[in-house]
Amino acid sequence: MDLLPLFHNLRGRRCLVVGGGDVALRKLRQLADAGASIEVVAPQVNQAIREMAKNQTLNFLERPFAEDDIAGAVLVVAATNDDTVNAQVSQLAQAANIPVNVVDSPGLCTVVFPSIVDRSPVQIAISSGGNAPVLARMLRTRLEALIPSGYGKLAALAGKYRDRVKTRFHSGLDRKAFWENVFEGDIAELVYSERLKEADQRLEQRLEQDQPSSVGEVYLVGGGPGDPDLLTFRALRLMQKADIVLYDRLVSKEVMALVRRDAELIYVGKTAGDHPVTQENINEKLAEYALQGKRVLRLKGGDPFIFGRGGEEIAHLAERGVPFQVVPGITAASGCASYAGIPLTHRDYAQSVRFITGHLKDHSLDLNCQDLVSANQTLVFYMGLSGLESICKELIARGKSATTPAALVEKGTTARQRVFIGNLTTLPDIVRKAEAKAPTLIIVGDVVKLHDQLSWFKG
């Protein structure tokens, strides 16, 4: 190793920062987060540091650096734009055996500031030894996306029970197995969901059990409209955690590629008029697998609660006493419209938006709502490809202008996206000639006029 990573307790201890500009400010903020007692020395101090001094344990001296300034400091930072001053600070600190950091000068440093993933009390420090700080920050960003914000609260909960677990399990291997079960199981998920009291109670119960509970959990996750970059952090984490995955037809291949590699995959997709796996069977399978102790991922395209039948599934799980959690996804209306350059609402064109399913439970079309032809609103039809012509004719029959702009988005947000623009009269013929395939979304309203101007995604 070029450097030995260490974590220093600076709370209440004197740290000296030489310099009063933006570079010094960045270091000051890190030191303040660590609870240090900070002194700043610089001929000029910027306004942000002055404001910081009003609310933090920070003292600044507006004068040049003097040799005796380092006396009593446990850490010295040089962040001036004067190379001579920086070198002098480094030399004096090293002679006094005080750790010193000189910004952007690795050769003058005995310590470096890492990029930090802060999930206190859990912390991860990343360093390139001063050679590539931008690379270290990029790596930190990736870790931020993978590590739940609740890790710190989970660590705090573990600390609360640490002594009791040592008393309960005399073997180190038994303690390790217990904590792995806590950190990978339902208790951790409760913490991540901010259900801290319930997590505390469950950990208490787990300590009293001779055998761990055999009930698993169901994750009802929205996979979004297709682009994997639109997944939430929680969705990605649970996709990597599940033992078994029940997935729909509308989940894109790119999203499926992010599921845990060794998970068992079960396709339960349905198309119009073709339901090889009934919804009742899906409901029961979710409960059955979870009661076997499996972590079950129910992965849906879009959002589970917007025409995704998620409510029916978790109602069944609740009746069976199966733990579950729901992770929202970006619904097709929002994702596809955004990628097509069609804002669903706009001050000049539409002050409201309606989401409508193109098919009801018995697969029939039902537009018995006069409000659908009201002005200044956008209509969005899910699962309407097969009924496109009927939808357009019905809207016209109910008073919607035949020239009302309309669009159909095919495979929205993916590299295979196509957008067809017309009106209620012309769109069905345009789509039919292009041989569009599901999944599709239909948008009706004056906002469609903005597509030519605002279209940005080229697939």
Protein backbone atom coordinates (compact mmCIF):
# COMPACT_ATOMS: atom_id res chain seq x y z
CA MET A 1 0.00 0.00 0.00
CA ASP A 2 1.17 3.52 -0.78
CA LEU A 3 -0.93 4.85 2.11
CA LEU A 4 -2.44 3.30 5.22
CA PRO A 5 -6.13 4.26 5.60
CA LEU A 6 -6.90 5.48 9.13
CA PHE A 7 -9.97 7.11 10.66
CA HIS A 8 -9.11 9.96 13.04
CA ASN A 9 -11.26 11.20 15.90
CA LEU A 10 -11.00 14.99 15.54
CA ARG A 11 -14.02 15.91 17.65
CA GLY A 12 -13.16 18.99 19.71
CA ARG A 13 -9.50 18.92 18.66
CA ARG A 14 -7.66 21.85 17.07
CA CYS A 15 -7.13 21.69 13.32
CA LEU A 16 -5.37 24.48 11.43
CA VAL A 17 -6.32 25.52 7.90
CA VAL A 18 -4.02 27.96 6.11
CA GLY A 19 -5.95 29.68 3.32
CA GLY A 20 -9.28 31.42 3.01
CA GLY A 21 -10.64 30.68 -0.45
CA ASP A 22 -12.93 28.10 -2.06
CA VAL A 23 -10.37 25.29 -1.86
CA ALA A 24 -9.93 25.86 1.87
CA LEU A 25 -13.72 25.98 2.26
CA ARG A 26 -14.09 22.43 0.94
CA LYS A 27 -11.65 21.13 3.55
CA LEU A 28 -13.28 23.20 6.28
CA ARG A 29 -16.64 21.60 5.62
CA GLN A 30 -15.19 18.11 5.99
CA LEU A 31 -13.44 19.06 9.23
CA ALA A 32 -16.62 20.64 10.56
CA ASP A 33 -18.57 17.47 9.77
CA ALA A 34 -16.03 15.59 11.89
CA GLY A 35 -16.60 17.96 14.83
CA ALA A 36 -13.12 19.51 14.80
CA SER A 37 -12.26 22.81 16.49
CA ILE A 38 -11.00 24.76 13.48
CA GLU A 39 -8.72 27.76 13.16
CA VAL A 40 -8.28 29.50 9.80
CA VAL A 41 -5.32 31.73 9.01
CA ALA A 42 -5.30 33.80 5.81
CA PRO A 43 -4.77 37.42 4.75
CA GLN A 44 -8.29 37.35 3.30
CA VAL A 45 -11.23 35.09 4.13
CA ASN A 46 -14.14 34.71 1.71
CA GLN A 47 -17.74 35.37 2.65
CA ALA A 48 -18.73 31.70 2.76
CA ILE A 49 -16.12 31.04 5.46
CA ARG A 50 -17.34 34.07 7.40
CA GLU A 51 -20.87 32.68 7.30
CA MET A 52 -19.59 29.29 8.35
CA ALA A 53 -17.83 30.86 11.35
CA LYS A 54 -21.19 32.12 12.66
CA ASN A 55 -22.58 28.59 12.97
CA GLN A 56 -19.55 26.34 13.48
CA THR A 57 -16.67 25.91 15.92
CA LEU A 58 -14.41 27.98 13.71
CA ASN A 59 -12.07 30.88 14.39
CA PHE A 60 -10.37 32.88 11.65
CA LEU A 61 -7.37 35.19 11.78
CA GLU A 62 -7.10 37.59 8.82
CA ARG A 63 -3.33 37.82 8.58
CA PRO A 64 -0.45 35.96 6.93
CA PHE A 65 0.65 32.57 8.24
CA ALA A 66 3.19 32.59 11.08
CA GLU A 67 5.45 29.72 12.11
CA ASP A 68 3.98 29.35 15.60
CA ASP A 69 0.43 28.92 14.20
CA ILE A 70 0.90 25.17 14.00
CA ALA A 71 1.55 24.81 17.73
CA GLY A 72 -1.09 22.60 19.37
CA ALA A 73 -2.70 21.46 16.13
CA VAL A 74 -3.39 17.78 15.54
CA LEU A 75 -3.85 18.32 11.79
CA VAL A 76 -2.67 21.08 9.43
CA VAL A 77 -4.11 21.84 6.00
CA ALA A 78 -2.42 24.21 3.55
CA ALA A 79 -4.84 25.50 0.90
CA THR A 80 -3.38 28.76 -0.38
CA ASN A 81 -2.53 29.81 -3.93
CA ASP A 82 1.06 30.54 -2.87
CA ASP A 83 3.38 27.55 -3.44
CA THR A 84 6.04 29.04 -1.13
CA VAL A 85 3.62 29.34 1.79
CA ASN A 86 2.27 25.84 1.18
CA ALA A 87 5.78 24.38 1.18
CA GLN A 88 6.66 26.28 4.38
CA VAL A 89 3.54 24.98 6.16
CA SER A 90 4.35 21.41 5.09
CA GLN A 91 7.96 21.65 6.24
CA LEU A 92 7.06 23.06 9.67
CA ALA A 93 4.29 20.52 10.28
CA GLN A 94 6.47 17.56 9.32
CA ALA A 95 9.28 18.82 11.56
CA ALA A 96 6.79 18.89 14.44
CA ASN A 97 5.39 15.43 13.52
CA ILE A 98 1.95 16.91 12.82
CA PRO A 99 -0.03 15.31 9.99
CA VAL A 100 -0.26 17.77 7.09
CA ASN A 101 -2.26 17.97 3.88
CA VAL A 102 -1.33 20.37 1.10
CA VAL A 103 -4.09 20.62 -1.46
CA ASP A 104 -3.12 19.40 -4.96
CA SER A 105 0.49 18.74 -3.87
CA PRO A 106 0.81 15.03 -2.97
CA GLY A 107 4.56 15.33 -2.50
CA LEU A 108 4.08 17.79 0.37
CA CYS A 109 1.46 15.70 2.16
CA THR A 110 1.76 13.16 4.94
CA VAL A 111 -2.04 12.61 4.85
CA VAL A 112 -4.63 13.00 2.11
CA PHE A 113 -8.35 13.70 2.26
CA PRO A 114 -10.32 10.82 0.75
CA SER A 115 -13.66 10.89 -1.02
CA ILE A 116 -16.15 9.71 1.57
CA VAL A 117 -19.33 7.68 1.46
CA ASP A 118 -20.94 8.73 4.73
CA ARG A 119 -23.43 6.36 6.31
CA SER A 120 -22.37 7.21 9.84
CA PRO A 121 -21.38 5.33 11.87
CA VAL A 122 -20.46 3.38 8.72
CA GLN A 123 -17.98 5.28 6.55
CA ILE A 124 -16.12 4.35 3.39
CA ALA A 125 -13.04 6.32 2.37
CA ILE A 126 -11.70 6.22 -1.19
CA SER A 127 -8.33 7.59 -2.17
CA SER A 128 -6.16 7.69 -5.26
CA GLY A 129 -3.19 8.86 -3.21
CA GLY A 130 -3.65 12.34 -4.66
CA ASN A 131 -3.00 11.10 -8.20
CA ALA A 132 -6.57 11.14 -9.55
CA PRO A 133 -9.05 12.80 -7.16
CA VAL A 134 -11.73 13.02 -9.88
CA LEU A 135 -11.52 9.25 -10.34
CA ALA A 136 -11.93 8.75 -6.60
CA ARG A 137 -15.03 10.97 -6.63
CA MET A 138 -16.49 9.00 -9.54
CA LEU A 139 -15.98 5.75 -7.61
CA ARG A 140 -17.64 7.32 -4.58
CA THR A 141 -20.66 8.24 -6.73
CA ARG A 142 -21.03 4.63 -7.84
CA LEU A 143 -20.86 3.38 -4.26
CA GLU A 144 -23.39 6.00 -3.16
CA ALA A 145 -25.84 4.47 -5.62
CA LEU A 146 -25.32 0.94 -4.31
CA ILE A 147 -25.30 1.53 -0.56
CA PRO A 148 -28.68 2.33 1.03
CA SER A 149 -28.89 5.54 3.03
CA GLY A 150 -30.18 3.46 5.96
CA TYR A 151 -26.87 1.63 6.47
CA GLY A 152 -25.93 3.98 9.29
CA LYS A 153 -29.21 3.35 11.12
CA LEU A 154 -28.73 -0.39 10.64
CA ALA A 155 -25.25 -0.14 12.16
CA ALA A 156 -26.63 1.88 15.08
CA LEU A 157 -29.28 -0.79 15.70
CA ALA A 158 -26.60 -3.48 15.65
CA GLY A 159 -24.54 -1.51 18.15
CA LYS A 160 -27.51 -1.38 20.51
CA TYR A 161 -27.76 -5.18 20.55
CA ARG A 162 -24.09 -6.11 20.20
CA ASP A 163 -23.48 -7.07 23.85
CA ARG A 164 -26.73 -9.03 24.08
CA VAL A 165 -25.86 -11.01 20.95
CA LYS A 166 -22.44 -11.86 22.43
CA THR A 167 -24.20 -13.13 25.56
CA ARG A 168 -26.80 -15.08 23.57
CA PHE A 169 -24.32 -16.74 21.16
CA HIS A 170 -21.02 -17.89 22.68
CA SER A 171 -19.60 -19.14 19.39
CA GLY A 172 -18.12 -16.58 17.02
CA LEU A 173 -19.50 -18.53 14.08
CA ASP A 174 -23.00 -18.44 15.57
CA ARG A 175 -22.75 -14.68 16.11
CA LYS A 176 -21.56 -14.22 12.54
CA ALA A 177 -24.48 -16.26 11.19
CA PHE A 178 -26.94 -14.28 13.32
CA TRP A 179 -25.69 -10.91 12.14
CA GLU A 180 -25.57 -12.02 8.50
CA ASN A 181 -29.22 -13.00 8.80
CA VAL A 182 -30.04 -9.58 10.27
CA PHE A 183 -28.06 -7.58 7.72
CA GLU A 184 -29.35 -9.52 4.72
CA GLY A 185 -32.93 -10.16 5.79
CA ASP A 186 -36.21 -8.59 6.74
CA ILE A 187 -34.84 -6.57 9.67
CA ALA A 188 -32.47 -4.67 7.39
CA GLU A 189 -35.30 -4.00 4.94
CA LEU A 190 -37.42 -2.58 7.74
CA VAL A 191 -34.61 -0.18 8.63
CA TYR A 192 -34.17 0.88 5.01
CA SER A 193 -37.93 1.56 4.88
CA GLU A 194 -37.66 3.79 8.00
CA ARG A 195 -39.75 1.33 10.04
CA LEU A 196 -37.23 1.51 12.85
CA LYS A 197 -39.53 0.62 15.74
CA GLU A 198 -40.71 -2.50 13.95
CA ALA A 199 -37.11 -3.45 13.13
CA ASP A 200 -36.17 -3.07 16.79
CA GLN A 201 -39.07 -5.26 17.87
CA ARG A 202 -38.25 -7.93 15.31
CA LEU A 203 -34.59 -8.05 16.33
CA GLU A 204 -35.72 -8.42 19.94
CA GLN A 205 -37.95 -11.34 18.93
CA ARG A 206 -35.19 -12.92 16.86
CA LEU A 207 -32.90 -13.00 19.87
CA GLU A 208 -35.51 -14.98 21.80
CA GLN A 209 -36.03 -17.58 19.06
CA ASP A 210 -34.25 -20.89 18.99
CA GLN A 211 -34.61 -21.03 15.22
CA PRO A 212 -34.87 -18.12 12.78
CA SER A 213 -38.17 -17.48 11.06
CA SER A 214 -38.64 -19.41 7.82
CA VAL A 215 -40.90 -16.78 6.20
CA GLY A 216 -39.34 -14.82 3.39
CA GLU A 217 -40.53 -11.57 1.86
CA VAL A 218 -42.01 -10.29 -1.41
CA TYR A 219 -40.57 -7.24 -3.16
CA LEU A 220 -43.11 -5.63 -5.49
CA VAL A 221 -40.85 -3.55 -7.70
CA GLY A 222 -41.57 -1.17 -10.56
CA GLY A 223 -39.06 -1.75 -13.36
CA GLY A 224 -39.91 1.48 -15.17
CA PRO A 225 -40.66 1.90 -18.86
CA GLY A 226 -37.52 0.21 -20.19
CA ASP A 227 -34.37 2.28 -19.74
CA PRO A 228 -32.42 0.65 -16.86
CA ASP A 229 -30.98 4.04 -15.88
CA LEU A 230 -34.48 4.99 -14.69
CA LEU A 231 -34.54 2.33 -11.95
CA THR A 232 -34.49 3.55 -8.36
CA PHE A 233 -31.59 2.66 -6.08
CA ARG A 234 -33.88 0.51 -3.95
CA ALA A 235 -35.23 -1.35 -6.98
CA LEU A 236 -31.70 -2.22 -8.11
CA ARG A 237 -30.68 -3.37 -4.64
CA LEU A 238 -33.67 -5.70 -4.28
CA MET A 239 -33.21 -7.02 -7.81
CA GLN A 240 -29.71 -8.08 -6.79
CA LYS A 241 -30.98 -9.67 -3.59
CA ALA A 242 -33.95 -11.80 -4.68
CA ASP A 243 -33.83 -15.60 -4.78
CA ILE A 244 -36.69 -15.94 -7.25
CA VAL A 245 -38.13 -13.47 -9.78
CA LEU A 246 -41.62 -13.39 -11.28
CA TYR A 247 -41.52 -10.91 -14.16
CA ASP A 248 -43.90 -9.41 -16.71
CA ARG A 249 -43.77 -9.07 -20.48
CA LEU A 250 -43.27 -5.31 -20.21
CA VAL A 251 -39.98 -5.59 -18.29
CA SER A 252 -37.22 -4.76 -20.76
CA LYS A 253 -34.28 -7.06 -21.46
CA GLU A 254 -31.93 -4.33 -20.25
CA VAL A 255 -33.68 -4.21 -16.88
CA MET A 256 -33.78 -8.00 -16.61
CA ALA A 257 -30.02 -8.08 -17.15
CA LEU A 258 -29.59 -6.37 -13.78
CA VAL A 259 -31.37 -9.10 -11.81
CA ARG A 260 -29.18 -11.31 -9.63
CA ARG A 261 -27.49 -13.79 -11.97
CA ASP A 262 -28.26 -16.95 -10.00
CA ALA A 263 -31.89 -16.06 -9.21
CA GLU A 264 -34.63 -18.36 -10.52
CA LEU A 265 -36.60 -16.56 -13.26
CA ILE A 266 -40.29 -17.24 -13.84
CA TYR A 267 -42.11 -15.53 -16.71
CA VAL A 268 -45.72 -14.63 -15.88
CA GLY A 269 -46.38 -12.16 -18.69
CA LYS A 270 -49.77 -11.61 -20.28
CA THR A 271 -50.90 -10.12 -23.58
CA ALA A 272 -54.35 -8.97 -24.67
CA GLY A 273 -56.59 -12.05 -24.70
CA ASP A 274 -53.73 -14.39 -23.75
CA HIS A 275 -53.20 -15.10 -20.05
CA PRO A 276 -51.30 -18.40 -19.77
CA VAL A 277 -50.71 -17.64 -16.08
CA THR A 278 -53.79 -16.29 -14.31
CA GLN A 279 -53.57 -13.40 -11.88
CA GLU A 280 -54.93 -15.63 -9.12
CA ASN A 281 -52.13 -18.10 -9.77
CA ILE A 282 -49.53 -15.34 -9.64
CA ASN A 283 -50.94 -14.10 -6.33
CA GLU A 284 -50.74 -17.56 -4.82
CA LYS A 285 -47.25 -18.28 -6.16
CA LEU A 286 -45.91 -15.09 -4.54
CA ALA A 287 -47.26 -16.19 -1.16
CA GLU A 288 -46.16 -19.80 -1.63
CA TYR A 289 -42.53 -18.96 -2.43
CA ALA A 290 -42.27 -16.44 0.41
CA LEU A 291 -43.68 -18.96 2.92
CA GLN A 292 -40.89 -21.30 1.82
CA GLY A 293 -38.43 -18.68 3.12
CA LYS A 294 -37.49 -17.23 -0.28
CA ARG A 295 -36.92 -13.58 -1.10
CA VAL A 296 -39.34 -13.08 -3.95
CA LEU A 297 -39.09 -10.29 -6.52
CA ARG A 298 -42.29 -9.41 -8.37
CA LEU A 299 -40.89 -7.28 -11.17
CA LYS A 300 -43.31 -5.21 -13.24
CA GLY A 301 -42.90 -2.77 -16.08
CA GLY A 302 -43.67 0.83 -15.15
CA ASP A 303 -45.18 1.32 -11.69
CA PRO A 304 -46.89 -1.53 -9.79
CA PHE A 305 -49.81 0.66 -8.73
CA ILE A 306 -50.64 2.19 -12.12
CA PHE A 307 -52.50 -0.45 -14.15
CA GLY A 308 -50.07 -3.01 -12.77
CA ARG A 309 -52.47 -4.97 -10.53
CA GLY A 310 -50.04 -4.50 -7.67
CA GLY A 311 -52.88 -3.74 -5.28
CA GLU A 312 -54.46 -7.13 -5.93
CA GLU A 313 -51.18 -8.93 -5.31
CA ILE A 314 -50.30 -7.30 -2.01
CA ALA A 315 -53.89 -7.64 -0.80
CA HIS A 316 -53.48 -11.41 -1.20
CA LEU A 317 -50.10 -11.32 0.56
CA ALA A 318 -51.60 -9.38 3.45
CA GLU A 319 -54.36 -11.97 3.80
CA ARG A 320 -51.75 -14.75 3.93
CA GLY A 321 -49.60 -12.87 6.46
CA VAL A 322 -46.64 -12.59 4.08
CA PRO A 323 -44.26 -9.63 4.58
CA PHE A 324 -43.90 -7.38 1.54
CA GLN A 325 -42.66 -4.01 0.42
CA VAL A 326 -43.49 -1.90 -2.62
CA VAL A 327 -40.94 0.03 -4.68
CA PRO A 328 -42.48 2.57 -7.08
CA GLY A 329 -41.22 2.78 -10.63
CA ILE A 330 -41.41 5.48 -13.29
CA THR A 331 -44.73 4.82 -14.99
CA ALA A 332 -44.87 4.52 -18.78
CA ALA A 333 -46.85 7.76 -19.14
CA SER A 334 -44.12 9.81 -17.49
CA GLY A 335 -41.14 7.97 -19.00
CA CYS A 336 -42.38 7.58 -22.56
CA ALA A 337 -43.78 11.10 -22.78
CA SER A 338 -40.51 12.57 -21.49
CA TYR A 339 -38.38 10.59 -23.94
CA ALA A 340 -40.76 11.55 -26.78
CA GLY A 341 -40.46 15.25 -25.97
CA ILE A 342 -44.16 15.55 -25.10
CA PRO A 343 -44.82 17.21 -21.73
CA LEU A 344 -47.99 15.80 -20.22
CA THR A 345 -48.93 19.19 -18.78
CA HIS A 346 -48.08 22.62 -20.12
CA ARG A 347 -49.30 26.04 -19.08
CA ASP A 348 -50.42 26.89 -22.61
CA TYR A 349 -51.97 23.54 -23.60
CA ALA A 350 -53.01 21.29 -20.71
CA GLN A 351 -53.66 21.87 -17.03
CA SER A 352 -54.57 18.26 -16.21
CA VAL A 353 -53.74 14.73 -17.35
CA ARG A 354 -55.72 11.48 -17.23
CA PHE A 355 -54.28 7.96 -17.24
CA ILE A 356 -56.67 5.50 -18.88
CA THR A 357 -56.41 1.77 -19.51
CA GLY A 358 -57.19 0.74 -23.07
CA HIS A 359 -58.74 -2.52 -21.84
CA LEU A 360 -60.88 -3.35 -18.85
CA LYS A 361 -60.88 -6.60 -16.92
CA ASP A 362 -62.99 -8.36 -19.58
CA HIS A 363 -60.83 -6.84 -22.38
CA SER A 364 -63.63 -4.59 -23.60
CA LEU A 365 -63.17 -0.91 -24.35
CA ASP A 366 -65.10 1.52 -22.16
CA LEU A 367 -64.90 5.28 -22.69
CA ASN A 368 -68.19 6.18 -21.01
CA CYS A 369 -66.88 9.38 -19.56
CA GLN A 370 -67.88 12.70 -21.12
CA ASP A 371 -65.04 14.38 -19.23
CA LEU A 372 -62.56 12.76 -21.60
CA VAL A 373 -63.40 15.33 -24.28
CA SER A 374 -62.89 18.36 -22.02
CA ALA A 375 -60.49 20.98 -23.28
CA ASN A 376 -57.03 21.71 -21.85
CA GLN A 377 -56.23 18.20 -20.70
CA THR A 378 -53.99 15.37 -21.87
CA LEU A 379 -55.24 11.81 -22.24
CA VAL A 380 -52.83 8.91 -21.87
CA PHE A 381 -53.95 5.41 -22.84
CA TYR A 382 -52.08 2.37 -21.58
CA MET A 383 -52.33 -0.96 -23.43
CA GLY A 384 -54.30 0.67 -26.24
CA LEU A 385 -52.52 -0.53 -29.38
CA SER A 386 -55.13 -3.11 -30.39
CA GLY A 387 -57.94 -0.67 -29.63
CA LEU A 388 -56.35 2.44 -31.15
CA GLU A 389 -58.88 2.85 -33.93
CA SER A 390 -61.81 2.38 -31.54
CA ILE A 391 -60.32 4.87 -29.07
CA CYS A 392 -59.93 7.54 -31.73
CA LYS A 393 -63.42 6.97 -33.18
CA GLU A 394 -65.02 7.02 -29.73
CA LEU A 395 -63.35 10.29 -28.76
CA ILE A 396 -64.48 11.91 -32.01
CA ALA A 397 -68.00 10.57 -31.52
CA ARG A 398 -68.12 12.14 -28.06
CA GLY A 399 -67.15 15.55 -29.35
CA LYS A 400 -63.37 15.61 -29.51
CA SER A 401 -62.13 17.38 -32.64
CA ALA A 402 -61.00 14.98 -35.34
CA THR A 403 -57.85 17.09 -35.75
CA THR A 404 -56.83 16.79 -32.08
CA PRO A 405 -53.09 15.93 -32.05
CA ALA A 406 -52.31 12.36 -31.05
CA ALA A 407 -49.14 10.29 -30.69
CA LEU A 408 -48.22 6.68 -30.16
CA VAL A 409 -44.89 5.85 -28.52
CA GLU A 410 -43.52 2.38 -29.21
CA LYS A 411 -40.96 0.80 -26.84
CA GLY A 412 -40.47 4.14 -25.13
CA THR A 413 -37.18 5.06 -23.37
CA THR A 414 -35.29 2.23 -25.09
CA ALA A 415 -32.94 2.20 -28.08
CA ARG A 416 -35.86 0.79 -30.13
CA GLN A 417 -38.18 3.71 -29.41
CA ARG A 418 -40.34 5.02 -32.25
CA VAL A 419 -42.78 7.93 -32.04
CA PHE A 420 -45.71 8.26 -34.45
CA ILE A 421 -47.42 11.66 -34.69
CA GLY A 422 -50.82 12.39 -36.20
CA ASN A 423 -54.31 13.27 -35.06
CA LEU A 424 -57.41 11.32 -34.07
CA THR A 425 -58.23 10.78 -37.75
CA THR A 426 -54.79 9.91 -39.15
CA LEU A 427 -52.92 8.19 -36.30
CA PRO A 428 -54.49 4.69 -36.66
CA ASP A 429 -53.47 4.46 -40.31
CA ILE A 430 -49.94 5.77 -39.58
CA VAL A 431 -49.43 3.20 -36.83
CA ARG A 432 -50.87 0.34 -38.88
CA LYS A 433 -48.59 1.06 -41.87
CA ALA A 434 -45.54 1.23 -39.55
CA GLU A 435 -46.50 -2.15 -38.02
CA ALA A 436 -45.95 -0.89 -34.49
CA LYS A 437 -45.62 -3.53 -31.79
CA ALA A 438 -46.32 -3.48 -28.06
CA PRO A 439 -45.45 -2.09 -25.62
CA THR A 440 -46.96 1.23 -26.71
CA LEU A 441 -48.50 4.31 -25.14
CA ILE A 442 -51.05 6.67 -26.71
CA ILE A 443 -51.04 10.40 -25.92
CA VAL A 444 -53.93 12.63 -27.02
CA GLY A 445 -54.00 16.40 -26.64
CA ASP A 446 -52.49 19.67 -27.79
CA VAL A 447 -49.24 18.94 -25.93
CA VAL A 448 -48.38 16.56 -28.79
CA LYS A 449 -47.72 19.68 -30.90
CA LEU A 450 -44.54 20.23 -28.86
CA HIS A 451 -42.91 16.98 -30.01
CA ASP A 452 -41.12 18.47 -33.02
CA GLN A 453 -39.64 21.26 -30.90
CA LEU A 454 -38.80 19.30 -27.75
CA SER A 455 -37.86 15.85 -29.03
CA TRP A 456 -34.39 15.05 -27.68
CA PHE A 457 -34.02 11.29 -27.37
CA LYS A 458 -32.80 9.59 -30.54
CA GLY A 459 -32.66 6.01 -29.25
